[in-house]
Amino acid sequence: LTAVPKYLYEAASIDRASEWFRFRTITLP
C-alpha cells in the first residue's frame, strides 16, 4: 500500500472519483 504511486490517487481526485472506485481500480489491483 505504501508503494502505490501517489500521483494515481491525485489523478483520481482531480476526476472526482469515489473512494470505492479508487480502491477497486487503483489500490486493490
PDB file of all heavy atoms in Angstrom:
ATOM      1  N   LEU A   1       0.822  -1.212   0.000  1.00  0.00           N
ATOM      2  CA  LEU A   1       0.000   0.000   0.000  1.00  0.00           C
ATOM      3  C   LEU A   1       0.858   1.264   0.000  1.00  0.00           C
ATOM      4  O   LEU A   1       0.516   2.250  -0.669  1.00  0.00           O
ATOM      5  CB  LEU A   1      -0.923  -0.002   1.217  1.00  0.00           C
ATOM      6  CG  LEU A   1      -2.078  -1.004   1.181  1.00  0.00           C
ATOM      7  CD1 LEU A   1      -2.757  -1.086   2.538  1.00  0.00           C
ATOM      8  CD2 LEU A   1      -3.090  -0.626   0.109  1.00  0.00           C
ATOM      9  N   THR A   2       1.950   1.251   0.743  1.00  0.00           N
ATOM     10  CA  THR A   2       2.815   2.432   0.774  1.00  0.00           C
ATOM     11  C   THR A   2       3.600   2.604  -0.520  1.00  0.00           C
ATOM     12  O   THR A   2       4.128   3.696  -0.775  1.00  0.00           O
ATOM     13  CB  THR A   2       3.795   2.336   1.947  1.00  0.00           C
ATOM     14  OG1 THR A   2       4.512   1.089   1.874  1.00  0.00           O
ATOM     15  CG2 THR A   2       3.055   2.392   3.269  1.00  0.00           C
ATOM     16  N   ALA A   3       3.687   1.542  -1.337  1.00  0.00           N
ATOM     17  CA  ALA A   3       4.425   1.632  -2.600  1.00  0.00           C
ATOM     18  C   ALA A   3       3.558   2.079  -3.770  1.00  0.00           C
ATOM     19  O   ALA A   3       4.074   2.296  -4.869  1.00  0.00           O
ATOM     20  CB  ALA A   3       5.060   0.285  -2.933  1.00  0.00           C
ATOM     21  N   VAL A   4       2.258   2.232  -3.558  1.00  0.00           N
ATOM     22  CA  VAL A   4       1.372   2.688  -4.634  1.00  0.00           C
ATOM     23  C   VAL A   4       1.687   4.150  -4.944  1.00  0.00           C
ATOM     24  O   VAL A   4       1.732   4.984  -4.026  1.00  0.00           O
ATOM     25  CB  VAL A   4      -0.104   2.537  -4.225  1.00  0.00           C
ATOM     26  CG1 VAL A   4      -1.023   3.097  -5.309  1.00  0.00           C
ATOM     27  CG2 VAL A   4      -0.428   1.069  -3.969  1.00  0.00           C
ATOM     28  N   PRO A   5       1.938   4.508  -6.198  1.00  0.00           N
ATOM     29  CA  PRO A   5       2.274   5.901  -6.538  1.00  0.00           C
ATOM     30  C   PRO A   5       1.172   6.872  -6.137  1.00  0.00           C
ATOM     31  O   PRO A   5      -0.017   6.623  -6.396  1.00  0.00           O
ATOM     32  CB  PRO A   5       2.454   5.855  -8.066  1.00  0.00           C
ATOM     33  CG  PRO A   5       2.759   4.430  -8.381  1.00  0.00           C
ATOM     34  CD  PRO A   5       1.996   3.614  -7.370  1.00  0.00           C
ATOM     35  N   LYS A   6       1.564   7.976  -5.534  1.00  0.00           N
ATOM     36  CA  LYS A   6       0.597   8.958  -5.058  1.00  0.00           C
ATOM     37  C   LYS A   6      -0.099   9.691  -6.207  1.00  0.00           C
ATOM     38  O   LYS A   6      -1.235  10.141  -6.066  1.00  0.00           O
ATOM     39  CB  LYS A   6       1.301   9.965  -4.141  1.00  0.00           C
ATOM     40  CG  LYS A   6       1.942   9.345  -2.903  1.00  0.00           C
ATOM     41  CD  LYS A   6       0.925   8.688  -2.010  1.00  0.00           C
ATOM     42  CE  LYS A   6       1.583   8.106  -0.764  1.00  0.00           C
ATOM     43  NZ  LYS A   6       0.618   7.395   0.101  1.00  0.00           N
ATOM     44  N   TYR A   7       0.606   9.792  -7.340  1.00  0.00           N
ATOM     45  CA  TYR A   7       0.006  10.565  -8.434  1.00  0.00           C
ATOM     46  C   TYR A   7      -1.241   9.893  -8.983  1.00  0.00           C
ATOM     47  O   TYR A   7      -2.103  10.550  -9.592  1.00  0.00           O
ATOM     48  CB  TYR A   7       1.027  10.795  -9.546  1.00  0.00           C
ATOM     49  CG  TYR A   7       1.464   9.563 -10.297  1.00  0.00           C
ATOM     50  CD1 TYR A   7       0.726   9.064 -11.367  1.00  0.00           C
ATOM     51  CD2 TYR A   7       2.628   8.896  -9.932  1.00  0.00           C
ATOM     52  CE1 TYR A   7       1.131   7.934 -12.060  1.00  0.00           C
ATOM     53  CE2 TYR A   7       3.043   7.766 -10.613  1.00  0.00           C
ATOM     54  CZ  TYR A   7       2.290   7.292 -11.673  1.00  0.00           C
ATOM     55  OH  TYR A   7       2.689   6.169 -12.353  1.00  0.00           O
ATOM     56  N   LEU A   8      -1.371   8.569  -8.804  1.00  0.00           N
ATOM     57  CA  LEU A   8      -2.588   7.899  -9.255  1.00  0.00           C
ATOM     58  C   LEU A   8      -3.799   8.365  -8.449  1.00  0.00           C
ATOM     59  O   LEU A   8      -4.876   8.612  -9.003  1.00  0.00           O
ATOM     60  CB  LEU A   8      -2.417   6.385  -9.133  1.00  0.00           C
ATOM     61  CG  LEU A   8      -1.334   5.752 -10.012  1.00  0.00           C
ATOM     62  CD1 LEU A   8      -1.228   4.263  -9.726  1.00  0.00           C
ATOM     63  CD2 LEU A   8      -1.648   5.979 -11.485  1.00  0.00           C
ATOM     64  N   TYR A   9      -3.621   8.499  -7.129  1.00  0.00           N
ATOM     65  CA  TYR A   9      -4.713   8.992  -6.301  1.00  0.00           C
ATOM     66  C   TYR A   9      -4.992  10.472  -6.594  1.00  0.00           C
ATOM     67  O   TYR A   9      -6.158  10.909  -6.546  1.00  0.00           O
ATOM     68  CB  TYR A   9      -4.369   8.811  -4.819  1.00  0.00           C
ATOM     69  CG  TYR A   9      -4.273   7.377  -4.388  1.00  0.00           C
ATOM     70  CD1 TYR A   9      -3.071   6.837  -3.977  1.00  0.00           C
ATOM     71  CD2 TYR A   9      -5.398   6.563  -4.384  1.00  0.00           C
ATOM     72  CE1 TYR A   9      -2.970   5.513  -3.576  1.00  0.00           C
ATOM     73  CE2 TYR A   9      -5.313   5.238  -3.974  1.00  0.00           C
ATOM     74  CZ  TYR A   9      -4.098   4.719  -3.580  1.00  0.00           C
ATOM     75  OH  TYR A   9      -4.018   3.412  -3.186  1.00  0.00           O
ATOM     76  N   GLU A  10      -3.944  11.222  -6.886  1.00  0.00           N
ATOM     77  CA  GLU A  10      -4.157  12.631  -7.210  1.00  0.00           C
ATOM     78  C   GLU A  10      -4.938  12.793  -8.504  1.00  0.00           C
ATOM     79  O   GLU A  10      -5.831  13.650  -8.610  1.00  0.00           O
ATOM     80  CB  GLU A  10      -2.803  13.340  -7.312  1.00  0.00           C
ATOM     81  CG  GLU A  10      -2.042  13.405  -6.001  1.00  0.00           C
ATOM     82  CD  GLU A  10      -0.640  13.955  -6.174  1.00  0.00           C
ATOM     83  OE1 GLU A  10      -0.268  14.236  -7.343  1.00  0.00           O
ATOM     84  OE2 GLU A  10       0.080  14.112  -5.162  1.00  0.00           O
ATOM     85  N   ALA A  11      -4.617  11.946  -9.491  1.00  0.00           N
ATOM     86  CA  ALA A  11      -5.368  11.994 -10.746  1.00  0.00           C
ATOM     87  C   ALA A  11      -6.819  11.589 -10.530  1.00  0.00           C
ATOM     88  O   ALA A  11      -7.741  12.176 -11.118  1.00  0.00           O
ATOM     89  CB  ALA A  11      -4.708  11.075 -11.782  1.00  0.00           C
ATOM     90  N   ALA A  12      -7.037  10.588  -9.673  1.00  0.00           N
ATOM     91  CA  ALA A  12      -8.413  10.172  -9.378  1.00  0.00           C
ATOM     92  C   ALA A  12      -9.175  11.268  -8.640  1.00  0.00           C
ATOM     93  O   ALA A  12     -10.379  11.458  -8.858  1.00  0.00           O
ATOM     94  CB  ALA A  12      -8.389   8.885  -8.555  1.00  0.00           C
ATOM     95  N   SER A  13      -8.474  11.998  -7.759  1.00  0.00           N
ATOM     96  CA  SER A  13      -9.141  13.100  -7.047  1.00  0.00           C
ATOM     97  C   SER A  13      -9.536  14.223  -8.005  1.00  0.00           C
ATOM     98  O   SER A  13     -10.605  14.832  -7.859  1.00  0.00           O
ATOM     99  CB  SER A  13      -8.210  13.648  -5.957  1.00  0.00           C
ATOM    100  OG  SER A  13      -7.888  12.646  -5.032  1.00  0.00           O
ATOM    101  N   ILE A  14      -8.663  14.494  -8.989  1.00  0.00           N
ATOM    102  CA  ILE A  14      -8.998  15.523  -9.978  1.00  0.00           C
ATOM    103  C   ILE A  14     -10.233  15.126 -10.773  1.00  0.00           C
ATOM    104  O   ILE A  14     -11.097  15.961 -11.076  1.00  0.00           O
ATOM    105  CB  ILE A  14      -7.794  15.760 -10.906  1.00  0.00           C
ATOM    106  CG1 ILE A  14      -6.629  16.372 -10.106  1.00  0.00           C
ATOM    107  CG2 ILE A  14      -8.178  16.673 -12.070  1.00  0.00           C
ATOM    108  CD1 ILE A  14      -5.360  16.512 -10.899  1.00  0.00           C
ATOM    109  N   ASP A  15     -10.347  13.837 -11.089  1.00  0.00           N
ATOM    110  CA  ASP A  15     -11.514  13.335 -11.818  1.00  0.00           C
ATOM    111  C   ASP A  15     -12.712  13.106 -10.921  1.00  0.00           C
ATOM    112  O   ASP A  15     -13.740  12.608 -11.392  1.00  0.00           O
ATOM    113  CB  ASP A  15     -11.162  12.017 -12.525  1.00  0.00           C
ATOM    114  CG  ASP A  15     -10.135  12.223 -13.620  1.00  0.00           C
ATOM    115  OD1 ASP A  15     -10.040  13.362 -14.124  1.00  0.00           O
ATOM    116  OD2 ASP A  15      -9.426  11.251 -13.966  1.00  0.00           O
ATOM    117  N   ARG A  16     -12.581  13.443  -9.620  1.00  0.00           N
ATOM    118  CA  ARG A  16     -13.656  13.299  -8.646  1.00  0.00           C
ATOM    119  C   ARG A  16     -14.146  11.858  -8.553  1.00  0.00           C
ATOM    120  O   ARG A  16     -15.341  11.583  -8.491  1.00  0.00           O
ATOM    121  CB  ARG A  16     -14.822  14.232  -8.991  1.00  0.00           C
ATOM    122  CG  ARG A  16     -14.466  15.711  -8.923  1.00  0.00           C
ATOM    123  CD  ARG A  16     -15.672  16.585  -9.193  1.00  0.00           C
ATOM    124  NE  ARG A  16     -15.320  17.996  -9.090  1.00  0.00           N
ATOM    125  CZ  ARG A  16     -16.197  18.990  -9.266  1.00  0.00           C
ATOM    126  NH1 ARG A  16     -17.466  18.690  -9.559  1.00  0.00           N
ATOM    127  NH2 ARG A  16     -15.808  20.252  -9.166  1.00  0.00           N
ATOM    128  N   ALA A  17     -13.209  10.949  -8.541  1.00  0.00           N
ATOM    129  CA  ALA A  17     -13.551   9.535  -8.389  1.00  0.00           C
ATOM    130  C   ALA A  17     -13.910   9.243  -6.941  1.00  0.00           C
ATOM    131  O   ALA A  17     -13.352   9.825  -6.009  1.00  0.00           O
ATOM    132  CB  ALA A  17     -12.384   8.650  -8.824  1.00  0.00           C
ATOM    133  N   SER A  18     -14.827   8.327  -6.737  1.00  0.00           N
ATOM    134  CA  SER A  18     -15.258   7.983  -5.387  1.00  0.00           C
ATOM    135  C   SER A  18     -14.191   7.138  -4.691  1.00  0.00           C
ATOM    136  O   SER A  18     -13.265   6.614  -5.316  1.00  0.00           O
ATOM    137  CB  SER A  18     -16.573   7.196  -5.443  1.00  0.00           C
ATOM    138  OG  SER A  18     -16.399   5.969  -6.129  1.00  0.00           O
ATOM    139  N   GLU A  19     -14.341   7.023  -3.372  1.00  0.00           N
ATOM    140  CA  GLU A  19     -13.384   6.226  -2.588  1.00  0.00           C
ATOM    141  C   GLU A  19     -13.412   4.770  -3.019  1.00  0.00           C
ATOM    142  O   GLU A  19     -12.369   4.117  -3.093  1.00  0.00           O
ATOM    143  CB  GLU A  19     -13.716   6.341  -1.098  1.00  0.00           C
ATOM    144  CG  GLU A  19     -12.657   5.777  -0.175  1.00  0.00           C
ATOM    145  CD  GLU A  19     -11.391   6.600  -0.177  1.00  0.00           C
ATOM    146  OE1 GLU A  19     -11.460   7.812  -0.449  1.00  0.00           O
ATOM    147  OE2 GLU A  19     -10.319   6.007   0.082  1.00  0.00           O
ATOM    148  N   TRP A  20     -14.580   4.215  -3.270  1.00  0.00           N
ATOM    149  CA  TRP A  20     -14.702   2.824  -3.704  1.00  0.00           C
ATOM    150  C   TRP A  20     -14.060   2.626  -5.083  1.00  0.00           C
ATOM    151  O   TRP A  20     -13.426   1.601  -5.328  1.00  0.00           O
ATOM    152  CB  TRP A  20     -16.164   2.412  -3.723  1.00  0.00           C
ATOM    153  CG  TRP A  20     -16.417   1.107  -4.407  1.00  0.00           C
ATOM    154  CD1 TRP A  20     -17.102   0.898  -5.561  1.00  0.00           C
ATOM    155  CD2 TRP A  20     -15.959  -0.184  -3.975  1.00  0.00           C
ATOM    156  NE1 TRP A  20     -17.114  -0.441  -5.879  1.00  0.00           N
ATOM    157  CE2 TRP A  20     -16.419  -1.135  -4.926  1.00  0.00           C
ATOM    158  CE3 TRP A  20     -15.212  -0.640  -2.887  1.00  0.00           C
ATOM    159  CZ2 TRP A  20     -16.151  -2.490  -4.811  1.00  0.00           C
ATOM    160  CZ3 TRP A  20     -14.953  -1.985  -2.772  1.00  0.00           C
ATOM    161  CH2 TRP A  20     -15.406  -2.891  -3.724  1.00  0.00           C
ATOM    162  N   PHE A  21     -14.218   3.610  -5.961  1.00  0.00           N
ATOM    163  CA  PHE A  21     -13.604   3.493  -7.288  1.00  0.00           C
ATOM    164  C   PHE A  21     -12.082   3.493  -7.178  1.00  0.00           C
ATOM    165  O   PHE A  21     -11.406   2.731  -7.875  1.00  0.00           O
ATOM    166  CB  PHE A  21     -14.080   4.656  -8.168  1.00  0.00           C
ATOM    167  CG  PHE A  21     -13.535   4.608  -9.568  1.00  0.00           C
ATOM    168  CD1 PHE A  21     -14.151   3.825 -10.543  1.00  0.00           C
ATOM    169  CD2 PHE A  21     -12.397   5.334  -9.914  1.00  0.00           C
ATOM    170  CE1 PHE A  21     -13.644   3.773 -11.827  1.00  0.00           C
ATOM    171  CE2 PHE A  21     -11.891   5.288 -11.207  1.00  0.00           C
ATOM    172  CZ  PHE A  21     -12.522   4.498 -12.160  1.00  0.00           C
ATOM    173  N   ARG A  22     -11.531   4.336  -6.304  1.00  0.00           N
ATOM    174  CA  ARG A  22     -10.076   4.346  -6.116  1.00  0.00           C
ATOM    175  C   ARG A  22      -9.577   3.004  -5.578  1.00  0.00           C
ATOM    176  O   ARG A  22      -8.554   2.483  -6.020  1.00  0.00           O
ATOM    177  CB  ARG A  22      -9.682   5.448  -5.133  1.00  0.00           C
ATOM    178  CG  ARG A  22     -10.032   6.853  -5.589  1.00  0.00           C
ATOM    179  CD  ARG A  22      -9.602   7.843  -4.515  1.00  0.00           C
ATOM    180  NE  ARG A  22     -10.218   9.150  -4.733  1.00  0.00           N
ATOM    181  CZ  ARG A  22     -10.074  10.178  -3.922  1.00  0.00           C
ATOM    182  NH1 ARG A  22      -9.333  10.052  -2.829  1.00  0.00           N
ATOM    183  NH2 ARG A  22     -10.658  11.332  -4.170  1.00  0.00           N
ATOM    184  N   PHE A  23     -10.325   2.465  -4.607  1.00  0.00           N
ATOM    185  CA  PHE A  23      -9.915   1.189  -4.020  1.00  0.00           C
ATOM    186  C   PHE A  23      -9.997   0.064  -5.039  1.00  0.00           C
ATOM    187  O   PHE A  23      -9.095  -0.778  -5.128  1.00  0.00           O
ATOM    188  CB  PHE A  23     -10.806   0.881  -2.814  1.00  0.00           C
ATOM    189  CG  PHE A  23     -10.530  -0.455  -2.181  1.00  0.00           C
ATOM    190  CD1 PHE A  23      -9.474  -0.609  -1.299  1.00  0.00           C
ATOM    191  CD2 PHE A  23     -11.331  -1.552  -2.469  1.00  0.00           C
ATOM    192  CE1 PHE A  23      -9.211  -1.843  -0.722  1.00  0.00           C
ATOM    193  CE2 PHE A  23     -11.075  -2.784  -1.898  1.00  0.00           C
ATOM    194  CZ  PHE A  23     -10.014  -2.932  -1.014  1.00  0.00           C
ATOM    195  N   ARG A  24     -11.060   0.065  -5.837  1.00  0.00           N
ATOM    196  CA  ARG A  24     -11.290  -1.046  -6.770  1.00  0.00           C
ATOM    197  C   ARG A  24     -10.384  -0.985  -7.987  1.00  0.00           C
ATOM    198  O   ARG A  24      -9.975  -2.025  -8.519  1.00  0.00           O
ATOM    199  CB  ARG A  24     -12.763  -1.042  -7.204  1.00  0.00           C
ATOM    200  CG  ARG A  24     -13.156  -2.171  -8.134  1.00  0.00           C
ATOM    201  CD  ARG A  24     -14.670  -2.185  -8.312  1.00  0.00           C
ATOM    202  NE  ARG A  24     -15.174  -0.906  -8.760  1.00  0.00           N
ATOM    203  CZ  ARG A  24     -15.258  -0.544 -10.042  1.00  0.00           C
ATOM    204  NH1 ARG A  24     -14.842  -1.359 -10.993  1.00  0.00           N
ATOM    205  NH2 ARG A  24     -15.744   0.636 -10.366  1.00  0.00           N
ATOM    206  N   THR A  25     -10.029   0.190  -8.442  1.00  0.00           N
ATOM    207  CA  THR A  25      -9.263   0.312  -9.687  1.00  0.00           C
ATOM    208  C   THR A  25      -7.793   0.658  -9.489  1.00  0.00           C
ATOM    209  O   THR A  25      -6.999   0.478 -10.406  1.00  0.00           O
ATOM    210  CB  THR A  25      -9.903   1.393 -10.584  1.00  0.00           C
ATOM    211  OG1 THR A  25      -9.911   2.646  -9.890  1.00  0.00           O
ATOM    212  CG2 THR A  25     -11.314   1.004 -10.969  1.00  0.00           C
ATOM    213  N   ILE A  26      -7.430   1.155  -8.313  1.00  0.00           N
ATOM    214  CA  ILE A  26      -6.033   1.544  -8.076  1.00  0.00           C
ATOM    215  C   ILE A  26      -5.403   0.688  -6.982  1.00  0.00           C
ATOM    216  O   ILE A  26      -4.400   0.000  -7.214  1.00  0.00           O
ATOM    217  CB  ILE A  26      -5.940   3.039  -7.707  1.00  0.00           C
ATOM    218  CG1 ILE A  26      -6.474   3.910  -8.842  1.00  0.00           C
ATOM    219  CG2 ILE A  26      -4.488   3.410  -7.388  1.00  0.00           C
ATOM    220  CD1 ILE A  26      -6.505   5.387  -8.515  1.00  0.00           C
ATOM    221  N   THR A  27      -5.987   0.733  -5.787  1.00  0.00           N
ATOM    222  CA  THR A  27      -5.357   0.096  -4.632  1.00  0.00           C
ATOM    223  C   THR A  27      -5.298  -1.419  -4.770  1.00  0.00           C
ATOM    224  O   THR A  27      -4.222  -2.024  -4.702  1.00  0.00           O
ATOM    225  CB  THR A  27      -6.107   0.470  -3.350  1.00  0.00           C
ATOM    226  OG1 THR A  27      -6.177   1.896  -3.238  1.00  0.00           O
ATOM    227  CG2 THR A  27      -5.405  -0.105  -2.138  1.00  0.00           C
ATOM    228  N   LEU A  28      -6.460  -2.034  -4.954  1.00  0.00           N
ATOM    229  CA  LEU A  28      -6.510  -3.498  -4.959  1.00  0.00           C
ATOM    230  C   LEU A  28      -5.727  -4.130  -6.107  1.00  0.00           C
ATOM    231  O   LEU A  28      -4.983  -5.097  -5.884  1.00  0.00           O
ATOM    232  CB  LEU A  28      -7.973  -3.960  -4.990  1.00  0.00           C
ATOM    233  CG  LEU A  28      -8.212  -5.445  -4.734  1.00  0.00           C
ATOM    234  CD1 LEU A  28      -7.648  -5.849  -3.374  1.00  0.00           C
ATOM    235  CD2 LEU A  28      -9.704  -5.767  -4.794  1.00  0.00           C
ATOM    236  N   PRO A  29      -5.821  -3.646  -7.354  1.00  0.00           N
ATOM    237  CA  PRO A  29      -5.032  -4.278  -8.420  1.00  0.00           C
ATOM    238  C   PRO A  29      -3.523  -4.195  -8.217  1.00  0.00           C
ATOM    239  O   PRO A  29      -2.798  -5.111  -8.588  1.00  0.00           O
ATOM    240  CB  PRO A  29      -5.459  -3.502  -9.675  1.00  0.00           C
ATOM    241  CG  PRO A  29      -6.793  -2.953  -9.355  1.00  0.00           C
ATOM    242  CD  PRO A  29      -6.747  -2.627  -7.902  1.00  0.00           C
TER     243      PRO A  29
END
